[in-house]
């Protein structure tokens, strides 16, 4: 026969217990609630049916009201009304059988998932649309190995290419990164590690530069270098204008990354007797290296797509030029702008092909910088 078990609700038990009896204290209300609590992330068959039914019913409801009853039209409005009706129906159906925390969780999850899907569709549609119109240009080898010198807008795709624009973009962005990256990281280090009244002033200036129109940056370089100092319109001037647009992006992103570095790492370095500059150089910056790589990618993505500064400070050209200090230097965004506004179908296809190359270069640069900024794995 098994040993009897006695559950007591107080520390002292009146009277003797038989030998072999096990005394078990009752569980607290918190323990009982923890055992009966349902994980919010679980999905039952009822949850899946509620989700699918809400999607279908909201679609039918919006189609009936939007297209057949109310005087509305347009795909964008239809999709927005469908999403709003889905959120309302999904929350109402979930509330019929679930408590309030689960209803809030399901509704918030649907909103976040909808925002993520919208962002993905916007990016995907842009890429698909660009490649769908530009693939006829990028399949020709001469499109990458020749320039447009002596090629007319109506010539076939077998003639001319964008080599001059690719080289111009790479050279201009490389010079802009060389200028903007050390200045941006230095400003971020000053704002996070040094501080003080002047640091607040620097932060205010950088925030103001973040909203600075690209055209103003180009006009500033044009007024200073070309008008005041008499320099010619070159790729170097365009690079400096691009660097002005990249600087606040890199500085603000780097500041956010440096603030995330745990303060305990700085304190440990100071406790070992390291000065502040060595702590920043040996501890803070290596720890924040992946985030600094992301800041660099954001800056490059901002600078490589600039058109107005290049048009003002350098100007368009049809010939290959690898010297940024002499003669105008074209870029991929400027070539896309000139090709699309030309009105010639063949030249417009070349513009879409250049846009495809620009998207590919940005993605390659993103992957390359992320690989370089990856933290090395510690060996065992």
Protein backbone atom coordinates (compact mmCIF):
# COMPACT_ATOMS: atom_id res chain seq x y z
CA UNK A 1 0.00 0.00 0.00
CA UNK A 2 1.40 3.47 -0.94
CA UNK A 3 2.34 6.04 1.66
CA UNK A 4 -0.50 8.43 2.60
CA UNK A 5 -0.10 12.10 1.71
CA UNK A 6 -1.39 14.91 3.89
CA UNK A 7 -1.79 18.48 2.60
CA UNK A 8 -1.57 21.10 5.32
CA UNK A 9 -2.25 24.82 5.15
CA UNK A 10 -0.30 25.82 8.26
CA UNK A 11 3.20 25.08 9.53
CA UNK A 12 2.04 23.18 12.67
CA UNK A 13 -0.03 19.98 12.40
CA UNK A 14 -2.15 19.03 15.41
CA UNK A 15 -1.73 15.45 16.51
CA UNK A 16 0.79 12.83 15.54
CA UNK A 17 1.06 11.50 11.99
CA UNK A 18 1.43 7.87 11.12
CA UNK A 19 4.88 6.70 10.07
CA UNK A 20 5.66 7.15 6.36
CA UNK A 21 3.16 9.98 5.87
CA UNK A 22 4.35 12.73 3.47
CA UNK A 23 3.39 16.30 4.26
CA UNK A 24 2.91 18.53 1.20
CA UNK A 25 2.32 22.26 1.54
CA UNK A 26 -0.43 23.76 -0.65
CA UNK A 27 0.60 25.74 -3.75
CA UNK A 28 0.32 29.49 -3.72
CA UNK A 29 -2.19 31.32 -5.95
CA UNK A 30 0.68 32.55 -8.11
CA UNK A 31 1.84 28.99 -8.80
CA UNK A 32 -1.67 27.88 -9.68
CA UNK A 33 -2.10 30.86 -12.01
CA UNK A 34 1.27 30.15 -13.65
CA UNK A 35 0.27 26.57 -14.40
CA UNK A 36 -3.09 27.62 -15.83
CA UNK A 37 -1.71 30.58 -17.82
CA UNK A 38 -1.94 30.07 -21.55
CA UNK A 39 1.04 31.12 -23.69
CA UNK A 40 0.06 33.98 -25.98
CA UNK A 41 2.27 32.69 -28.79
CA UNK A 42 0.41 29.40 -29.16
CA UNK A 43 -1.93 28.95 -32.11
CA UNK A 44 -4.84 26.52 -31.88
CA UNK A 45 -7.16 25.41 -34.65
CA UNK A 46 -9.71 27.97 -33.45
CA UNK A 47 -7.12 30.75 -33.76
CA UNK A 48 -6.21 29.71 -37.31
CA UNK A 49 -9.84 29.52 -38.35
CA UNK A 50 -10.51 32.92 -36.80
CA UNK A 51 -7.62 34.42 -38.73
CA UNK A 52 -8.62 32.87 -42.05
CA UNK A 53 -12.29 33.68 -41.58
CA UNK A 54 -11.50 37.30 -40.74
CA UNK A 55 -9.39 37.65 -43.89
CA UNK A 56 -12.08 36.19 -46.17
CA UNK A 57 -15.04 37.93 -44.52
CA UNK A 58 -13.33 41.32 -44.46
CA UNK A 59 -12.45 40.93 -48.15
CA UNK A 60 -16.05 40.09 -49.01
CA UNK A 61 -17.41 42.93 -46.89
CA UNK A 62 -15.11 45.55 -48.37
CA UNK A 63 -15.74 44.31 -51.90
CA UNK A 64 -19.48 44.59 -51.35
CA UNK A 65 -19.40 48.05 -49.78
CA UNK A 66 -16.40 49.63 -51.53
CA UNK A 67 -17.07 48.53 -55.10
CA UNK A 68 -20.82 48.05 -55.19
CA UNK A 69 -22.50 50.28 -52.59
CA UNK A 70 -20.30 53.28 -51.85
CA UNK A 71 -19.03 55.62 -54.62
CA UNK A 72 -15.39 54.68 -54.09
CA UNK A 73 -12.76 53.31 -56.47
CA UNK A 74 -9.06 52.66 -56.57
CA UNK A 75 -6.85 49.75 -55.58
CA UNK A 76 -4.99 51.57 -52.82
CA UNK A 77 -8.17 52.62 -51.03
CA UNK A 78 -9.57 49.10 -51.41
CA UNK A 79 -6.50 47.56 -49.78
CA UNK A 80 -6.49 50.08 -46.92
CA UNK A 81 -10.18 49.52 -46.22
CA UNK A 82 -9.67 45.76 -46.41
CA UNK A 83 -6.86 45.90 -43.85
CA UNK A 84 -8.86 48.13 -41.48
CA UNK A 85 -11.90 45.82 -41.75
CA UNK A 86 -9.70 42.78 -41.16
CA UNK A 87 -8.23 44.26 -37.97
CA UNK A 88 -11.70 45.09 -36.64
CA UNK A 89 -13.20 41.70 -37.48
CA UNK A 90 -10.20 39.76 -36.23
CA UNK A 91 -10.24 41.60 -32.91
CA UNK A 92 -14.00 41.10 -32.55
CA UNK A 93 -13.89 37.39 -33.39
CA UNK A 94 -11.00 36.82 -30.99
CA UNK A 95 -12.83 38.67 -28.22
CA UNK A 96 -15.72 36.20 -28.42
CA UNK A 97 -13.67 33.36 -26.99
CA UNK A 98 -10.47 34.84 -25.55
CA UNK A 99 -9.63 37.18 -22.66
CA UNK A 100 -8.52 40.76 -23.19
CA UNK A 101 -4.70 40.16 -23.08
CA UNK A 102 -4.93 37.64 -25.91
CA UNK A 103 -7.19 39.97 -27.94
CA UNK A 104 -4.65 42.79 -27.58
CA UNK A 105 -1.80 40.44 -28.48
CA UNK A 106 -3.55 39.12 -31.59
CA UNK A 107 -4.53 42.60 -32.78
CA UNK A 108 -1.04 44.02 -32.25
CA UNK A 109 0.51 41.01 -34.02
CA UNK A 110 -1.79 41.54 -37.00
CA UNK A 111 -0.88 45.23 -37.19
CA UNK A 112 2.85 44.55 -37.01
CA UNK A 113 2.64 41.72 -39.54
CA UNK A 114 0.63 43.94 -41.88
CA UNK A 115 3.23 46.71 -41.64
CA UNK A 116 6.04 44.23 -42.34
CA UNK A 117 4.22 42.77 -45.34
CA UNK A 118 3.52 46.28 -46.68
CA UNK A 119 7.20 47.22 -46.44
CA UNK A 120 8.26 43.98 -48.11
CA UNK A 121 5.75 44.43 -50.92
CA UNK A 122 6.85 48.03 -51.50
CA UNK A 123 10.51 47.01 -51.73
CA UNK A 124 9.78 43.92 -53.78
CA UNK A 125 7.53 45.74 -56.24
CA UNK A 126 10.21 48.40 -56.76
CA UNK A 127 12.87 45.80 -57.52
CA UNK A 128 10.61 43.72 -59.76
CA UNK A 129 9.37 46.79 -61.66
CA UNK A 130 12.91 48.06 -62.22
CA UNK A 131 14.30 44.75 -63.45
CA UNK A 132 11.22 44.08 -65.58
CA UNK A 133 11.92 47.26 -67.55
CA UNK A 134 15.72 47.11 -67.55
CA UNK A 135 16.56 43.47 -68.28
CA UNK A 136 16.73 44.13 -72.02
CA UNK A 137 19.67 46.45 -71.44
CA UNK A 138 21.65 44.48 -68.86
CA UNK A 139 21.77 41.34 -71.02
CA UNK A 140 24.16 43.09 -73.42
CA UNK A 141 27.85 42.88 -72.48
CA UNK A 142 28.63 46.24 -74.05
CA UNK A 143 26.27 47.84 -71.53
CA UNK A 144 28.97 47.30 -68.87
CA UNK A 145 32.15 47.71 -70.92
CA UNK A 146 31.61 50.89 -72.98
CA UNK A 147 30.48 54.45 -72.45
CA UNK A 148 28.01 56.64 -74.35
CA UNK A 149 30.55 58.69 -76.26
CA UNK A 150 29.30 59.06 -79.84
CA UNK A 151 26.12 57.06 -79.16
CA UNK A 152 22.77 58.72 -79.88
CA UNK A 153 19.59 58.30 -77.80
CA UNK A 154 17.91 56.34 -80.60
CA UNK A 155 20.77 53.89 -81.23
CA UNK A 156 20.13 50.24 -80.46
CA UNK A 157 21.11 48.60 -77.21
CA UNK A 158 24.06 46.94 -78.95
CA UNK A 159 25.85 50.30 -78.86
CA UNK A 160 26.99 52.24 -75.83
CA UNK A 161 26.97 51.47 -72.14
CA UNK A 162 27.25 52.85 -68.64
CA UNK A 163 30.89 52.16 -67.82
CA UNK A 164 31.52 55.87 -67.34
CA UNK A 165 28.56 56.16 -64.93
CA UNK A 166 29.60 53.10 -62.89
CA UNK A 167 33.17 54.34 -62.56
CA UNK A 168 31.98 57.84 -61.67
CA UNK A 169 29.65 56.60 -58.93
CA UNK A 170 32.32 54.35 -57.42
CA UNK A 171 34.98 57.07 -57.39
CA UNK A 172 32.65 59.75 -56.04
CA UNK A 173 31.26 57.52 -53.28
CA UNK A 174 34.75 56.32 -52.32
CA UNK A 175 35.98 59.89 -51.89
CA UNK A 176 32.80 60.85 -50.01
CA UNK A 177 33.20 57.90 -47.62
CA UNK A 178 36.84 58.82 -47.04
CA UNK A 179 35.72 62.29 -45.96
CA UNK A 180 32.44 61.57 -44.17
CA UNK A 181 33.24 58.34 -42.29
CA UNK A 182 36.04 59.60 -40.01
CA UNK A 183 34.27 62.92 -39.44
CA UNK A 184 30.95 61.23 -38.63
CA UNK A 185 32.43 58.68 -36.22
CA UNK A 186 34.57 61.37 -34.57
CA UNK A 187 31.50 63.53 -34.03
CA UNK A 188 29.61 60.56 -32.58
CA UNK A 189 32.49 59.73 -30.22
CA UNK A 190 32.65 63.34 -29.09
CA UNK A 191 28.91 63.48 -28.39
CA UNK A 192 28.80 60.17 -26.49
CA UNK A 193 32.19 59.92 -24.77
CA UNK A 194 33.18 63.54 -24.13
CA UNK A 195 29.89 65.42 -23.80
CA UNK A 196 29.53 68.92 -22.48
CA UNK A 197 27.85 72.07 -23.73
CA UNK A 198 29.62 72.05 -27.07
CA UNK A 199 28.51 68.45 -27.61
CA UNK A 200 24.89 69.59 -27.43
CA UNK A 201 25.68 72.24 -30.02
CA UNK A 202 27.29 69.63 -32.30
CA UNK A 203 24.25 67.37 -31.90
CA UNK A 204 21.94 70.25 -32.82
CA UNK A 205 23.95 71.05 -35.94
CA UNK A 206 23.98 67.40 -37.04
CA UNK A 207 20.25 67.07 -36.52
CA UNK A 208 19.74 70.20 -38.61
CA UNK A 209 22.00 68.79 -41.34
CA UNK A 210 19.96 65.57 -41.39
CA UNK A 211 17.00 67.54 -42.76
CA UNK A 212 19.20 69.53 -45.14
CA UNK A 213 17.98 69.21 -48.75
CA UNK A 214 20.46 67.61 -51.11
CA UNK A 215 20.16 70.56 -53.46
CA UNK A 216 21.44 72.90 -50.73
CA UNK A 217 24.55 70.76 -50.26
CA UNK A 218 25.25 70.95 -53.98
CA UNK A 219 24.69 74.71 -54.03
CA UNK A 220 27.04 75.15 -51.07
CA UNK A 221 29.89 73.31 -52.80
CA UNK A 222 29.13 75.13 -56.04
CA UNK A 223 29.26 78.53 -54.32
CA UNK A 224 32.43 77.79 -52.33
CA UNK A 225 34.60 75.78 -54.69
CA UNK A 226 33.40 76.76 -58.14
CA UNK A 227 32.32 80.38 -57.71
CA UNK A 228 34.49 81.62 -54.84
CA UNK A 229 37.70 79.63 -55.54
CA UNK A 230 37.29 79.35 -59.31
CA UNK A 231 37.53 75.57 -59.48
CA UNK A 232 36.01 73.74 -62.44
CA UNK A 233 33.07 71.37 -62.21
CA UNK A 234 34.64 68.00 -61.45
CA UNK A 235 33.95 64.70 -59.76
CA UNK A 236 35.82 65.91 -56.68
CA UNK A 237 33.31 68.72 -56.15
CA UNK A 238 30.48 66.21 -56.53
CA UNK A 239 32.17 63.94 -53.98
CA UNK A 240 32.36 66.73 -51.42
CA UNK A 241 28.69 67.53 -51.94
CA UNK A 242 27.82 63.85 -51.45
CA UNK A 243 29.97 63.76 -48.32
CA UNK A 244 27.91 66.60 -46.83
CA UNK A 245 24.72 64.57 -47.31
CA UNK A 246 26.33 61.41 -45.85
CA UNK A 247 27.92 63.04 -42.81
CA UNK A 248 24.81 63.59 -40.63
CA UNK A 249 23.46 60.09 -41.40
CA UNK A 250 26.72 58.44 -40.32
CA UNK A 251 27.09 60.67 -37.26
CA UNK A 252 23.56 60.15 -35.94
CA UNK A 253 23.58 56.40 -36.58
CA UNK A 254 27.01 56.03 -34.98
CA UNK A 255 25.90 58.00 -31.93
CA UNK A 256 22.95 55.66 -31.38
CA UNK A 257 25.23 52.63 -31.71
CA UNK A 258 27.85 53.98 -29.30
CA UNK A 259 25.20 54.72 -26.68
CA UNK A 260 24.18 51.05 -26.73
CA UNK A 261 27.66 49.90 -25.68
CA UNK A 262 27.39 48.77 -22.01
CA UNK A 263 28.85 51.20 -19.54
CA UNK A 264 30.37 48.31 -17.61
CA UNK A 265 32.92 47.80 -20.38
CA UNK A 266 34.10 51.39 -20.05
CA UNK A 267 34.25 51.12 -16.26
CA UNK A 268 36.26 47.90 -16.45
CA UNK A 269 38.74 49.55 -18.81
CA UNK A 270 39.07 52.59 -16.54
CA UNK A 271 39.55 50.29 -13.54
CA UNK A 272 42.51 48.67 -15.28
CA UNK A 273 44.12 52.11 -15.66
CA UNK A 274 43.43 52.72 -19.34
CA UNK A 275 42.98 56.36 -20.38
CA UNK A 276 39.79 57.46 -22.09
CA UNK A 277 41.21 57.57 -25.60
CA UNK A 278 42.51 54.02 -25.31
CA UNK A 279 39.17 52.86 -23.87
CA UNK A 280 37.37 54.34 -26.84
CA UNK A 281 39.86 52.93 -29.34
CA UNK A 282 40.28 49.46 -27.84
CA UNK A 283 36.92 48.80 -26.17
CA UNK A 284 34.07 51.02 -27.35
CA UNK A 285 34.72 51.11 -31.10
CA UNK A 286 35.45 47.37 -31.51
CA UNK A 287 32.32 46.52 -29.54
CA UNK A 288 30.20 48.80 -31.72
CA UNK A 289 31.80 47.71 -35.00
CA UNK A 290 28.72 45.90 -36.43
CA UNK A 291 26.54 48.92 -35.72
CA UNK A 292 29.13 51.27 -37.21
CA UNK A 293 29.09 49.11 -40.33
CA UNK A 294 25.34 49.58 -40.53
CA UNK A 295 25.80 53.34 -40.17
CA UNK A 296 28.27 53.26 -43.05
CA UNK A 297 25.81 51.33 -45.20
CA UNK A 298 23.08 53.88 -44.46
CA UNK A 299 25.41 56.69 -45.42
CA UNK A 300 26.45 54.99 -48.66
CA UNK A 301 22.82 54.27 -49.54
CA UNK A 302 22.08 57.97 -49.04
CA UNK A 303 25.07 59.21 -51.03
CA UNK A 304 25.13 56.79 -53.93
CA UNK A 305 21.61 57.77 -54.98
CA UNK A 306 22.18 61.54 -55.08
CA UNK A 307 21.39 63.30 -58.35
CA UNK A 308 21.01 67.03 -57.69
CA UNK A 309 24.45 67.59 -56.07
CA UNK A 310 26.20 65.77 -58.92
CA UNK A 311 24.24 67.68 -61.55
CA UNK A 312 25.14 71.05 -60.01
CA UNK A 313 28.78 70.44 -59.07
CA UNK A 314 29.92 68.09 -61.85
CA UNK A 315 27.36 67.84 -64.64
CA UNK A 316 26.55 64.98 -66.97
CA UNK A 317 29.01 63.52 -69.43
CA UNK A 318 29.02 60.74 -72.00
CA UNK A 319 32.72 59.79 -71.89
CA UNK A 320 34.77 57.76 -69.44
CA UNK A 321 36.71 59.80 -66.89
CA UNK A 322 38.66 58.23 -64.03
CA UNK A 323 40.27 61.47 -62.82
CA UNK A 324 38.00 63.24 -60.30
CA UNK A 325 40.06 66.44 -60.39
CA UNK A 326 39.52 67.26 -64.06
CA UNK A 327 36.48 67.36 -66.37
CA UNK A 328 32.90 66.42 -65.50
CA UNK A 329 32.21 62.95 -64.11
CA UNK A 330 28.88 61.20 -64.55
CA UNK A 331 27.16 58.91 -62.04
CA UNK A 332 24.51 56.21 -62.16
CA UNK A 333 21.68 58.32 -60.63
CA UNK A 334 22.45 61.19 -62.97
CA UNK A 335 22.53 58.84 -65.96
CA UNK A 336 19.16 57.38 -64.92
CA UNK A 337 17.71 60.87 -64.60
CA UNK A 338 19.01 61.96 -68.01
CA UNK A 339 17.88 58.76 -69.72
CA UNK A 340 14.36 58.65 -68.33
CA UNK A 341 13.63 62.31 -69.06
CA UNK A 342 14.93 62.01 -72.64
CA UNK A 343 11.64 60.54 -73.88
CA UNK A 344 13.37 58.06 -76.21
CA UNK A 345 12.22 54.45 -75.59
CA UNK A 346 15.65 52.91 -76.12
CA UNK A 347 17.34 55.46 -73.90
CA UNK A 348 14.68 54.94 -71.21
CA UNK A 349 15.47 51.21 -71.24
CA UNK A 350 19.13 52.11 -70.68
CA UNK A 351 18.03 54.21 -67.71
CA UNK A 352 16.16 51.30 -66.17
CA UNK A 353 19.17 49.08 -66.81
CA UNK A 354 21.38 51.58 -64.96
CA UNK A 355 18.88 51.56 -62.10
CA UNK A 356 19.18 47.76 -61.94
CA UNK A 357 22.96 48.07 -61.72
CA UNK A 358 22.61 50.70 -59.00
CA UNK A 359 20.36 48.44 -56.92
CA UNK A 360 22.79 45.56 -57.33
CA UNK A 361 25.77 47.68 -56.28
CA UNK A 362 23.96 48.85 -53.14
CA UNK A 363 23.11 45.26 -52.18
CA UNK A 364 26.68 44.08 -52.80
CA UNK A 365 28.08 46.95 -50.74
CA UNK A 366 25.63 46.15 -47.94
CA UNK A 367 26.69 42.49 -47.81
CA UNK A 368 30.38 43.38 -48.08
CA UNK A 369 30.28 45.94 -45.26
CA UNK A 370 28.26 43.61 -43.02
CA UNK A 371 30.84 40.86 -43.52
CA UNK A 372 33.70 43.21 -42.67
CA UNK A 373 31.89 44.56 -39.60
CA UNK A 374 30.99 41.12 -38.26
CA UNK A 375 32.36 40.36 -34.81
CA UNK A 376 35.03 37.63 -34.90
CA UNK A 377 34.03 34.42 -33.17
CA UNK A 378 36.00 33.76 -30.03
CA UNK A 379 37.89 30.50 -30.13
CA UNK A 380 37.67 27.98 -27.35
